[in-house]
PDB file of all heavy atoms in Angstrom:
ATOM      1  N   GLN A   1     -41.349  27.669 -70.311  1.00  0.00           N
ATOM      2  CA  GLN A   1     -41.819  26.668 -71.264  1.00  0.00           C
ATOM      3  C   GLN A   1     -43.214  26.992 -71.779  1.00  0.00           C
ATOM      4  O   GLN A   1     -43.534  26.721 -72.942  1.00  0.00           O
ATOM      5  CB  GLN A   1     -41.794  25.285 -70.600  1.00  0.00           C
ATOM      6  CG  GLN A   1     -40.379  24.808 -70.290  1.00  0.00           C
ATOM      7  CD  GLN A   1     -40.355  23.508 -69.518  1.00  0.00           C
ATOM      8  OE1 GLN A   1     -40.786  23.437 -68.371  1.00  0.00           O
ATOM      9  NE2 GLN A   1     -39.844  22.464 -70.142  1.00  0.00           N
ATOM     10  N   LYS A   2     -44.043  27.587 -70.927  1.00  0.00           N
ATOM     11  CA  LYS A   2     -45.386  27.963 -71.337  1.00  0.00           C
ATOM     12  C   LYS A   2     -45.383  29.220 -72.199  1.00  0.00           C
ATOM     13  O   LYS A   2     -46.077  29.294 -73.219  1.00  0.00           O
ATOM     14  CB  LYS A   2     -46.264  28.185 -70.106  1.00  0.00           C
ATOM     15  CG  LYS A   2     -47.687  28.607 -70.419  1.00  0.00           C
ATOM     16  CD  LYS A   2     -48.502  28.831 -69.147  1.00  0.00           C
ATOM     17  CE  LYS A   2     -49.910  29.320 -69.476  1.00  0.00           C
ATOM     18  NZ  LYS A   2     -50.709  29.553 -68.228  1.00  0.00           N
ATOM     19  N   ASP A   3     -44.582  30.220 -71.807  1.00  0.00           N
ATOM     20  CA  ASP A   3     -44.572  31.501 -72.514  1.00  0.00           C
ATOM     21  C   ASP A   3     -43.837  31.427 -73.841  1.00  0.00           C
ATOM     22  O   ASP A   3     -44.092  32.246 -74.742  1.00  0.00           O
ATOM     23  CB  ASP A   3     -43.935  32.585 -71.638  1.00  0.00           C
ATOM     24  CG  ASP A   3     -44.784  32.922 -70.425  1.00  0.00           C
ATOM     25  OD1 ASP A   3     -46.009  32.669 -70.476  1.00  0.00           O
ATOM     26  OD2 ASP A   3     -44.239  33.424 -69.423  1.00  0.00           O
ATOM     27  N   PHE A   4     -42.925  30.480 -73.979  1.00  0.00           N
ATOM     28  CA  PHE A   4     -42.186  30.303 -75.232  1.00  0.00           C
ATOM     29  C   PHE A   4     -42.378  28.861 -75.703  1.00  0.00           C
ATOM     30  O   PHE A   4     -41.473  28.024 -75.589  1.00  0.00           O
ATOM     31  CB  PHE A   4     -40.699  30.607 -75.024  1.00  0.00           C
ATOM     32  CG  PHE A   4     -40.427  32.014 -74.547  1.00  0.00           C
ATOM     33  CD1 PHE A   4     -40.262  32.282 -73.197  1.00  0.00           C
ATOM     34  CD2 PHE A   4     -40.354  33.073 -75.446  1.00  0.00           C
ATOM     35  CE1 PHE A   4     -40.024  33.573 -72.744  1.00  0.00           C
ATOM     36  CE2 PHE A   4     -40.109  34.368 -75.012  1.00  0.00           C
ATOM     37  CZ  PHE A   4     -39.950  34.615 -73.661  1.00  0.00           C
ATOM     38  N   PRO A   5     -43.559  28.544 -76.232  1.00  0.00           N
ATOM     39  CA  PRO A   5     -43.876  27.152 -76.559  1.00  0.00           C
ATOM     40  C   PRO A   5     -42.985  26.548 -77.643  1.00  0.00           C
ATOM     41  O   PRO A   5     -42.880  25.323 -77.745  1.00  0.00           O
ATOM     42  CB  PRO A   5     -45.339  27.228 -77.027  1.00  0.00           C
ATOM     43  CG  PRO A   5     -45.548  28.651 -77.425  1.00  0.00           C
ATOM     44  CD  PRO A   5     -44.678  29.457 -76.529  1.00  0.00           C
ATOM     45  N   ASP A   6     -42.323  27.392 -78.437  1.00  0.00           N
ATOM     46  CA  ASP A   6     -41.456  26.871 -79.500  1.00  0.00           C
ATOM     47  C   ASP A   6     -40.000  26.784 -79.047  1.00  0.00           C
ATOM     48  O   ASP A   6     -39.087  26.708 -79.872  1.00  0.00           O
ATOM     49  CB  ASP A   6     -41.558  27.742 -80.743  1.00  0.00           C
ATOM     50  CG  ASP A   6     -41.178  29.195 -80.471  1.00  0.00           C
ATOM     51  OD1 ASP A   6     -41.173  29.603 -79.298  1.00  0.00           O
ATOM     52  OD2 ASP A   6     -40.888  29.925 -81.451  1.00  0.00           O
ATOM     53  N   HIS A   7     -39.764  26.796 -77.725  1.00  0.00           N
ATOM     54  CA  HIS A   7     -38.397  26.766 -77.227  1.00  0.00           C
ATOM     55  C   HIS A   7     -37.732  25.419 -77.502  1.00  0.00           C
ATOM     56  O   HIS A   7     -38.406  24.401 -77.669  1.00  0.00           O
ATOM     57  CB  HIS A   7     -38.383  27.033 -75.715  1.00  0.00           C
ATOM     58  CG  HIS A   7     -38.930  25.895 -74.906  1.00  0.00           C
ATOM     59  ND1 HIS A   7     -40.280  25.668 -74.745  1.00  0.00           N
ATOM     60  CD2 HIS A   7     -38.304  24.901 -74.212  1.00  0.00           C
ATOM     61  CE1 HIS A   7     -40.465  24.607 -74.004  1.00  0.00           C
ATOM     62  NE2 HIS A   7     -39.285  24.108 -73.662  1.00  0.00           N
ATOM     63  N   ARG A   8     -36.411  25.446 -77.532  1.00  0.00           N
ATOM     64  CA  ARG A   8     -35.627  24.209 -77.598  1.00  0.00           C
ATOM     65  C   ARG A   8     -35.213  23.819 -76.184  1.00  0.00           C
ATOM     66  O   ARG A   8     -34.719  24.647 -75.427  1.00  0.00           O
ATOM     67  CB  ARG A   8     -34.389  24.418 -78.472  1.00  0.00           C
ATOM     68  CG  ARG A   8     -34.690  24.715 -79.934  1.00  0.00           C
ATOM     69  CD  ARG A   8     -35.092  23.465 -80.685  1.00  0.00           C
ATOM     70  NE  ARG A   8     -33.975  22.528 -80.800  1.00  0.00           N
ATOM     71  CZ  ARG A   8     -33.113  22.534 -81.820  1.00  0.00           C
ATOM     72  NH1 ARG A   8     -33.235  23.428 -82.791  1.00  0.00           N
ATOM     73  NH2 ARG A   8     -32.137  21.651 -81.865  1.00  0.00           N
ATOM     74  N   LEU A   9     -35.413  22.555 -75.821  1.00  0.00           N
ATOM     75  CA  LEU A   9     -35.050  22.045 -74.505  1.00  0.00           C
ATOM     76  C   LEU A   9     -33.842  21.131 -74.645  1.00  0.00           C
ATOM     77  O   LEU A   9     -33.855  20.176 -75.433  1.00  0.00           O
ATOM     78  CB  LEU A   9     -36.218  21.280 -73.882  1.00  0.00           C
ATOM     79  CG  LEU A   9     -35.939  20.578 -72.551  1.00  0.00           C
ATOM     80  CD1 LEU A   9     -35.610  21.596 -71.471  1.00  0.00           C
ATOM     81  CD2 LEU A   9     -37.116  19.709 -72.141  1.00  0.00           C
ATOM     82  N   ILE A  10     -32.795  21.440 -73.879  1.00  0.00           N
ATOM     83  CA  ILE A  10     -31.569  20.651 -73.918  1.00  0.00           C
ATOM     84  C   ILE A  10     -31.193  20.286 -72.491  1.00  0.00           C
ATOM     85  O   ILE A  10     -31.208  21.137 -71.590  1.00  0.00           O
ATOM     86  CB  ILE A  10     -30.419  21.438 -74.587  1.00  0.00           C
ATOM     87  CG1 ILE A  10     -30.814  21.841 -76.012  1.00  0.00           C
ATOM     88  CG2 ILE A  10     -29.136  20.619 -74.590  1.00  0.00           C
ATOM     89  CD1 ILE A  10     -29.989  22.959 -76.579  1.00  0.00           C
ATOM     90  N   LEU A  11     -30.869  19.019 -72.262  1.00  0.00           N
ATOM     91  CA  LEU A  11     -30.475  18.548 -70.931  1.00  0.00           C
ATOM     92  C   LEU A  11     -28.964  18.327 -70.895  1.00  0.00           C
ATOM     93  O   LEU A  11     -28.409  17.650 -71.774  1.00  0.00           O
ATOM     94  CB  LEU A  11     -31.194  17.244 -70.590  1.00  0.00           C
ATOM     95  CG  LEU A  11     -32.721  17.246 -70.650  1.00  0.00           C
ATOM     96  CD1 LEU A  11     -33.263  15.879 -70.246  1.00  0.00           C
ATOM     97  CD2 LEU A  11     -33.313  18.321 -69.756  1.00  0.00           C
ATOM     98  N   LEU A  12     -28.315  18.899 -69.893  1.00  0.00           N
ATOM     99  CA  LEU A  12     -26.909  18.602 -69.638  1.00  0.00           C
ATOM    100  C   LEU A  12     -26.862  17.632 -68.472  1.00  0.00           C
ATOM    101  O   LEU A  12     -27.151  18.003 -67.331  1.00  0.00           O
ATOM    102  CB  LEU A  12     -26.130  19.879 -69.297  1.00  0.00           C
ATOM    103  CG  LEU A  12     -26.090  20.989 -70.352  1.00  0.00           C
ATOM    104  CD1 LEU A  12     -25.155  22.108 -69.896  1.00  0.00           C
ATOM    105  CD2 LEU A  12     -25.666  20.466 -71.706  1.00  0.00           C
ATOM    106  N   GLU A  13     -26.519  16.393 -68.749  1.00  0.00           N
ATOM    107  CA  GLU A  13     -26.629  15.340 -67.739  1.00  0.00           C
ATOM    108  C   GLU A  13     -25.286  14.742 -67.331  1.00  0.00           C
ATOM    109  O   GLU A  13     -25.219  13.986 -66.366  1.00  0.00           O
ATOM    110  CB  GLU A  13     -27.549  14.233 -68.252  1.00  0.00           C
ATOM    111  CG  GLU A  13     -28.974  14.732 -68.520  1.00  0.00           C
ATOM    112  CD  GLU A  13     -29.825  13.697 -69.249  1.00  0.00           C
ATOM    113  OE1 GLU A  13     -29.413  13.265 -70.346  1.00  0.00           O
ATOM    114  OE2 GLU A  13     -30.878  13.329 -68.713  1.00  0.00           O
ATOM    115  N   GLN A  14     -24.209  15.057 -68.057  1.00  0.00           N
ATOM    116  CA  GLN A  14     -22.907  14.500 -67.688  1.00  0.00           C
ATOM    117  C   GLN A  14     -22.274  15.353 -66.605  1.00  0.00           C
ATOM    118  O   GLN A  14     -22.068  16.556 -66.774  1.00  0.00           O
ATOM    119  CB  GLN A  14     -21.972  14.411 -68.899  1.00  0.00           C
ATOM    120  CG  GLN A  14     -20.636  13.755 -68.553  1.00  0.00           C
ATOM    121  CD  GLN A  14     -19.805  13.408 -69.765  1.00  0.00           C
ATOM    122  OE1 GLN A  14     -20.257  13.571 -70.904  1.00  0.00           O
ATOM    123  NE2 GLN A  14     -18.599  12.925 -69.542  1.00  0.00           N
ATOM    124  N   ASN A  15     -21.958  14.718 -65.485  1.00  0.00           N
ATOM    125  CA  ASN A  15     -21.403  15.406 -64.328  1.00  0.00           C
ATOM    126  C   ASN A  15     -19.890  15.201 -64.303  1.00  0.00           C
ATOM    127  O   ASN A  15     -19.402  14.087 -64.492  1.00  0.00           O
ATOM    128  CB  ASN A  15     -22.052  14.848 -63.053  1.00  0.00           C
ATOM    129  CG  ASN A  15     -21.504  15.459 -61.788  1.00  0.00           C
ATOM    130  OD1 ASN A  15     -20.399  15.177 -61.377  1.00  0.00           O
ATOM    131  ND2 ASN A  15     -22.306  16.309 -61.158  1.00  0.00           N
ATOM    132  N   TYR A  16     -19.156  16.297 -64.031  1.00  0.00           N
ATOM    133  CA  TYR A  16     -17.697  16.233 -64.013  1.00  0.00           C
ATOM    134  C   TYR A  16     -17.136  16.381 -62.594  1.00  0.00           C
ATOM    135  O   TYR A  16     -15.934  16.497 -62.414  1.00  0.00           O
ATOM    136  CB  TYR A  16     -17.114  17.341 -64.905  1.00  0.00           C
ATOM    137  CG  TYR A  16     -17.414  17.126 -66.367  1.00  0.00           C
ATOM    138  CD1 TYR A  16     -18.554  17.685 -66.943  1.00  0.00           C
ATOM    139  CD2 TYR A  16     -16.587  16.355 -67.167  1.00  0.00           C
ATOM    140  CE1 TYR A  16     -18.852  17.487 -68.280  1.00  0.00           C
ATOM    141  CE2 TYR A  16     -16.874  16.145 -68.513  1.00  0.00           C
ATOM    142  CZ  TYR A  16     -18.002  16.709 -69.060  1.00  0.00           C
ATOM    143  OH  TYR A  16     -18.298  16.506 -70.391  1.00  0.00           O
ATOM    144  N   ARG A  17     -18.013  16.367 -61.592  1.00  0.00           N
ATOM    145  CA  ARG A  17     -17.588  16.710 -60.242  1.00  0.00           C
ATOM    146  C   ARG A  17     -17.670  15.526 -59.274  1.00  0.00           C
ATOM    147  O   ARG A  17     -16.866  15.422 -58.356  1.00  0.00           O
ATOM    148  CB  ARG A  17     -18.477  17.853 -59.737  1.00  0.00           C
ATOM    149  CG  ARG A  17     -18.101  18.424 -58.393  1.00  0.00           C
ATOM    150  CD  ARG A  17     -19.106  19.498 -57.991  1.00  0.00           C
ATOM    151  NE  ARG A  17     -19.120  20.600 -58.936  1.00  0.00           N
ATOM    152  CZ  ARG A  17     -20.143  21.421 -59.120  1.00  0.00           C
ATOM    153  NH1 ARG A  17     -21.259  21.245 -58.421  1.00  0.00           N
ATOM    154  NH2 ARG A  17     -20.080  22.396 -59.988  1.00  0.00           N
ATOM    155  N   SER A  18     -18.657  14.654 -59.454  1.00  0.00           N
ATOM    156  CA  SER A  18     -18.953  13.639 -58.443  1.00  0.00           C
ATOM    157  C   SER A  18     -18.797  12.234 -59.008  1.00  0.00           C
ATOM    158  O   SER A  18     -18.715  12.027 -60.227  1.00  0.00           O
ATOM    159  CB  SER A  18     -20.383  13.818 -57.919  1.00  0.00           C
ATOM    160  OG  SER A  18     -20.569  15.116 -57.409  1.00  0.00           O
ATOM    161  N   THR A  19     -18.810  11.252 -58.114  1.00  0.00           N
ATOM    162  CA  THR A  19     -18.826   9.857 -58.537  1.00  0.00           C
ATOM    163  C   THR A  19     -20.269   9.417 -58.778  1.00  0.00           C
ATOM    164  O   THR A  19     -21.220  10.070 -58.350  1.00  0.00           O
ATOM    165  CB  THR A  19     -18.203   8.964 -57.445  1.00  0.00           C
ATOM    166  OG1 THR A  19     -18.959   9.110 -56.240  1.00  0.00           O
ATOM    167  CG2 THR A  19     -16.757   9.354 -57.198  1.00  0.00           C
ATOM    168  N   GLN A  20     -20.426   8.277 -59.451  1.00  0.00           N
ATOM    169  CA  GLN A  20     -21.765   7.822 -59.817  1.00  0.00           C
ATOM    170  C   GLN A  20     -22.606   7.479 -58.590  1.00  0.00           C
ATOM    171  O   GLN A  20     -23.816   7.691 -58.578  1.00  0.00           O
ATOM    172  CB  GLN A  20     -21.675   6.598 -60.737  1.00  0.00           C
ATOM    173  CG  GLN A  20     -22.997   6.218 -61.387  1.00  0.00           C
ATOM    174  CD  GLN A  20     -23.508   7.305 -62.329  1.00  0.00           C
ATOM    175  OE1 GLN A  20     -22.764   7.813 -63.157  1.00  0.00           O
ATOM    176  NE2 GLN A  20     -24.773   7.674 -62.195  1.00  0.00           N
ATOM    177  N   ARG A  21     -21.980   6.970 -57.536  1.00  0.00           N
ATOM    178  CA  ARG A  21     -22.741   6.612 -56.342  1.00  0.00           C
ATOM    179  C   ARG A  21     -23.415   7.849 -55.743  1.00  0.00           C
ATOM    180  O   ARG A  21     -24.571   7.797 -55.318  1.00  0.00           O
ATOM    181  CB  ARG A  21     -21.818   5.952 -55.310  1.00  0.00           C
ATOM    182  CG  ARG A  21     -22.568   5.358 -54.114  1.00  0.00           C
ATOM    183  CD  ARG A  21     -21.593   4.723 -53.138  1.00  0.00           C
ATOM    184  NE  ARG A  21     -20.793   3.692 -53.759  1.00  0.00           N
ATOM    185  CZ  ARG A  21     -21.160   2.423 -53.931  1.00  0.00           C
ATOM    186  NH1 ARG A  21     -22.368   2.047 -53.522  1.00  0.00           N
ATOM    187  NH2 ARG A  21     -20.364   1.545 -54.487  1.00  0.00           N
ATOM    188  N   ILE A  22     -22.701   8.963 -55.711  1.00  0.00           N
ATOM    189  CA  ILE A  22     -23.276  10.214 -55.189  1.00  0.00           C
ATOM    190  C   ILE A  22     -24.428  10.673 -56.079  1.00  0.00           C
ATOM    191  O   ILE A  22     -25.492  11.083 -55.597  1.00  0.00           O
ATOM    192  CB  ILE A  22     -22.190  11.300 -55.083  1.00  0.00           C
ATOM    193  CG1 ILE A  22     -21.216  10.945 -53.955  1.00  0.00           C
ATOM    194  CG2 ILE A  22     -22.811  12.678 -54.853  1.00  0.00           C
ATOM    195  CD1 ILE A  22     -20.026  11.864 -53.862  1.00  0.00           C
ATOM    196  N   LEU A  23     -24.250  10.613 -57.388  1.00  0.00           N
ATOM    197  CA  LEU A  23     -25.308  11.049 -58.312  1.00  0.00           C
ATOM    198  C   LEU A  23     -26.549  10.171 -58.161  1.00  0.00           C
ATOM    199  O   LEU A  23     -27.686  10.675 -58.166  1.00  0.00           O
ATOM    200  CB  LEU A  23     -24.801  10.999 -59.752  1.00  0.00           C
ATOM    201  CG  LEU A  23     -23.622  11.916 -60.084  1.00  0.00           C
ATOM    202  CD1 LEU A  23     -23.231  11.754 -61.553  1.00  0.00           C
ATOM    203  CD2 LEU A  23     -23.938  13.361 -59.780  1.00  0.00           C
ATOM    204  N   ASP A  24     -26.343   8.850 -58.036  1.00  0.00           N
ATOM    205  CA  ASP A  24     -27.485   7.939 -57.884  1.00  0.00           C
ATOM    206  C   ASP A  24     -28.251   8.243 -56.599  1.00  0.00           C
ATOM    207  O   ASP A  24     -29.489   8.225 -56.570  1.00  0.00           O
ATOM    208  CB  ASP A  24     -27.004   6.484 -57.876  1.00  0.00           C
ATOM    209  CG  ASP A  24     -26.496   6.044 -59.248  1.00  0.00           C
ATOM    210  OD1 ASP A  24     -26.784   6.749 -60.244  1.00  0.00           O
ATOM    211  OD2 ASP A  24     -25.816   5.007 -59.316  1.00  0.00           O
ATOM    212  N   ALA A  25     -27.522   8.497 -55.524  1.00  0.00           N
ATOM    213  CA  ALA A  25     -28.180   8.810 -54.250  1.00  0.00           C
ATOM    214  C   ALA A  25     -28.970  10.116 -54.354  1.00  0.00           C
ATOM    215  O   ALA A  25     -30.115  10.213 -53.889  1.00  0.00           O
ATOM    216  CB  ALA A  25     -27.140   8.913 -53.139  1.00  0.00           C
ATOM    217  N   ALA A  26     -28.367  11.127 -54.983  1.00  0.00           N
ATOM    218  CA  ALA A  26     -29.054  12.411 -55.147  1.00  0.00           C
ATOM    219  C   ALA A  26     -30.323  12.252 -55.982  1.00  0.00           C
ATOM    220  O   ALA A  26     -31.389  12.779 -55.640  1.00  0.00           O
ATOM    221  CB  ALA A  26     -28.116  13.431 -55.789  1.00  0.00           C
TER     222      ALA A  26
END
């Protein structure tokens, strides 16, 4: 992020493996 200040940041937040209770605990 520092070396490439013009980078695009994208978050992948949808989980296809676990239930919501596990994700909340993590």
